[in-house]
C-alpha atoms as a PDB file:
ATOM      1  CA  UNK A   1      73.288  63.132 144.793  1.00  0.00           C
ATOM      2  CA  UNK A   2      76.420  65.511 144.507  1.00  0.00           C
ATOM      3  CA  UNK A   3      76.737  67.546 147.541  1.00  0.00           C
ATOM      4  CA  UNK A   4      79.374  70.176 147.943  1.00  0.00           C
ATOM      5  CA  UNK A   5      79.633  71.216 151.713  1.00  0.00           C
ATOM      6  CA  UNK A   6      81.424  74.287 152.771  1.00  0.00           C
ATOM      7  CA  UNK A   7      81.847  75.460 156.477  1.00  0.00           C
ATOM      8  CA  UNK A   8      83.283  78.379 158.427  1.00  0.00           C
ATOM      9  CA  UNK A   9      83.723  77.246 162.109  1.00  0.00           C
ATOM     10  CA  UNK A  10      84.978  79.834 164.693  1.00  0.00           C
ATOM     11  CA  UNK A  11      86.044  77.343 167.445  1.00  0.00           C
ATOM     12  CA  UNK A  12      89.339  75.136 166.528  1.00  0.00           C
ATOM     13  CA  UNK A  13      87.803  72.240 168.476  1.00  0.00           C
ATOM     14  CA  UNK A  14      84.379  72.310 166.874  1.00  0.00           C
ATOM     15  CA  UNK A  15      86.147  72.731 163.424  1.00  0.00           C
ATOM     16  CA  UNK A  16      88.235  69.483 163.972  1.00  0.00           C
ATOM     17  CA  UNK A  17      84.993  67.559 164.966  1.00  0.00           C
ATOM     18  CA  UNK A  18      83.282  68.787 161.818  1.00  0.00           C
ATOM     19  CA  UNK A  19      86.200  67.805 159.621  1.00  0.00           C
ATOM     20  CA  UNK A  20      86.118  64.393 161.231  1.00  0.00           C
ATOM     21  CA  UNK A  21      82.469  63.988 160.732  1.00  0.00           C
ATOM     22  CA  UNK A  22      82.586  65.123 157.141  1.00  0.00           C
ATOM     23  CA  UNK A  23      85.604  62.784 156.328  1.00  0.00           C
ATOM     24  CA  UNK A  24      82.972  59.856 156.708  1.00  0.00           C
ATOM     25  CA  UNK A  25      80.578  61.245 154.158  1.00  0.00           C
ATOM     26  CA  UNK A  26      82.943  62.704 151.524  1.00  0.00           C
ATOM     27  CA  UNK A  27      86.362  63.903 150.224  1.00  0.00           C
ATOM     28  CA  UNK A  28      88.176  67.154 151.316  1.00  0.00           C
ATOM     29  CA  UNK A  29      88.650  69.352 148.119  1.00  0.00           C
ATOM     30  CA  UNK A  30      89.772  72.575 149.867  1.00  0.00           C
ATOM     31  CA  UNK A  31      90.664  73.453 153.533  1.00  0.00           C
ATOM     32  CA  UNK A  32      86.990  73.954 154.423  1.00  0.00           C
ATOM     33  CA  UNK A  33      85.275  72.378 151.629  1.00  0.00           C
ATOM     34  CA  UNK A  34      84.284  68.715 150.946  1.00  0.00           C
ATOM     35  CA  UNK A  35      82.441  67.050 148.075  1.00  0.00           C
ATOM     36  CA  UNK A  36      80.120  64.157 148.918  1.00  0.00           C
ATOM     37  CA  UNK A  37      78.234  61.579 146.748  1.00  0.00           C
ATOM     38  CA  UNK A  38      75.308  60.588 148.987  1.00  0.00           C
ATOM     39  CA  UNK A  39      72.042  58.799 148.970  1.00  0.00           C
ATOM     40  CA  UNK A  40      69.168  60.976 150.159  1.00  0.00           C
ATOM     41  CA  UNK A  41      69.019  59.208 153.498  1.00  0.00           C
ATOM     42  CA  UNK A  42      72.758  59.653 153.918  1.00  0.00           C
ATOM     43  CA  UNK A  43      72.497  63.395 153.390  1.00  0.00           C
ATOM     44  CA  UNK A  44      69.692  63.538 155.838  1.00  0.00           C
ATOM     45  CA  UNK A  45      71.947  61.746 158.411  1.00  0.00           C
ATOM     46  CA  UNK A  46      74.664  64.093 157.578  1.00  0.00           C
ATOM     47  CA  UNK A  47      72.495  67.182 158.327  1.00  0.00           C
ATOM     48  CA  UNK A  48      71.219  65.609 161.501  1.00  0.00           C
ATOM     49  CA  UNK A  49      74.764  64.909 162.756  1.00  0.00           C
ATOM     50  CA  UNK A  50      76.185  68.349 161.896  1.00  0.00           C
ATOM     51  CA  UNK A  51      73.237  70.339 163.383  1.00  0.00           C
ATOM     52  CA  UNK A  52      73.885  70.033 166.822  1.00  0.00           C
ATOM     53  CA  UNK A  53      77.649  71.083 166.411  1.00  0.00           C
ATOM     54  CA  UNK A  54      77.011  74.438 165.033  1.00  0.00           C
ATOM     55  CA  UNK A  55      76.899  77.499 167.085  1.00  0.00           C
ATOM     56  CA  UNK A  56      75.828  80.856 166.593  1.00  0.00           C
ATOM     57  CA  UNK A  57      78.806  82.364 164.769  1.00  0.00           C
ATOM     58  CA  UNK A  58      79.407  79.204 162.579  1.00  0.00           C
ATOM     59  CA  UNK A  59      78.177  78.589 159.128  1.00  0.00           C
ATOM     60  CA  UNK A  60      77.729  75.611 157.201  1.00  0.00           C
ATOM     61  CA  UNK A  61      76.461  75.430 153.596  1.00  0.00           C
ATOM     62  CA  UNK A  62      75.229  72.567 151.665  1.00  0.00           C
ATOM     63  CA  UNK A  63      75.029  73.057 147.701  1.00  0.00           C
ATOM     64  CA  UNK A  64      73.474  70.384 145.973  1.00  0.00           C
ATOM     65  CA  UNK A  65      74.483  70.041 142.292  1.00  0.00           C
ATOM     66  CA  UNK A  66      72.226  68.647 139.628  1.00  0.00           C
ATOM     67  CA  UNK A  67      73.499  66.126 137.209  1.00  0.00           C
ATOM     68  CA  UNK A  68      73.827  68.726 134.494  1.00  0.00           C
ATOM     69  CA  UNK A  69      75.713  70.936 136.913  1.00  0.00           C
ATOM     70  CA  UNK A  70      77.955  68.331 138.162  1.00  0.00           C
ATOM     71  CA  UNK A  71      79.185  67.696 134.648  1.00  0.00           C
ATOM     72  CA  UNK A  72      80.266  71.412 134.429  1.00  0.00           C
ATOM     73  CA  UNK A  73      82.483  71.440 137.454  1.00  0.00           C
ATOM     74  CA  UNK A  74      86.270  72.275 136.380  1.00  0.00           C
ATOM     75  CA  UNK A  75      88.969  71.178 138.734  1.00  0.00           C
ATOM     76  CA  UNK A  76      92.563  71.968 138.304  1.00  0.00           C
ATOM     77  CA  UNK A  77      94.938  70.152 140.726  1.00  0.00           C
ATOM     78  CA  UNK A  78      94.144  67.758 143.702  1.00  0.00           C
ATOM     79  CA  UNK A  79      91.874  64.742 143.172  1.00  0.00           C
ATOM     80  CA  UNK A  80      88.344  65.100 141.670  1.00  0.00           C
ATOM     81  CA  UNK A  81      85.418  63.205 143.300  1.00  0.00           C
ATOM     82  CA  UNK A  82      83.903  60.801 140.851  1.00  0.00           C
ATOM     83  CA  UNK A  83      80.242  60.369 141.117  1.00  0.00           C
ATOM     84  CA  UNK A  84      78.816  56.709 141.038  1.00  0.00           C
ATOM     85  CA  UNK A  85      78.572  55.480 137.791  1.00  0.00           C
ATOM     86  CA  UNK A  86      81.328  57.594 136.333  1.00  0.00           C
ATOM     87  CA  UNK A  87      83.887  55.659 134.322  1.00  0.00           C
ATOM     88  CA  UNK A  88      87.487  57.268 134.101  1.00  0.00           C
ATOM     89  CA  UNK A  89      89.481  55.813 131.159  1.00  0.00           C
END
């Protein structure tokens, strides 16, 4: 599944920790946005890892893109996360 994770973390230290965690699950595409191609069990593990890090004033959002929506993503500049099974010619 293709997951877009965005976050707004108030504390610099927690923000850095979250960034390090997310790097293990996906690719950073904006300052506080990651794209992740995950199996359901890995998505569950990601959520379980992130949850204890989040405090009252923080926000983390997960956007699951369906296969049709995923094909509609338009990216200008940067690198584009390629879902499994994608062939780039």
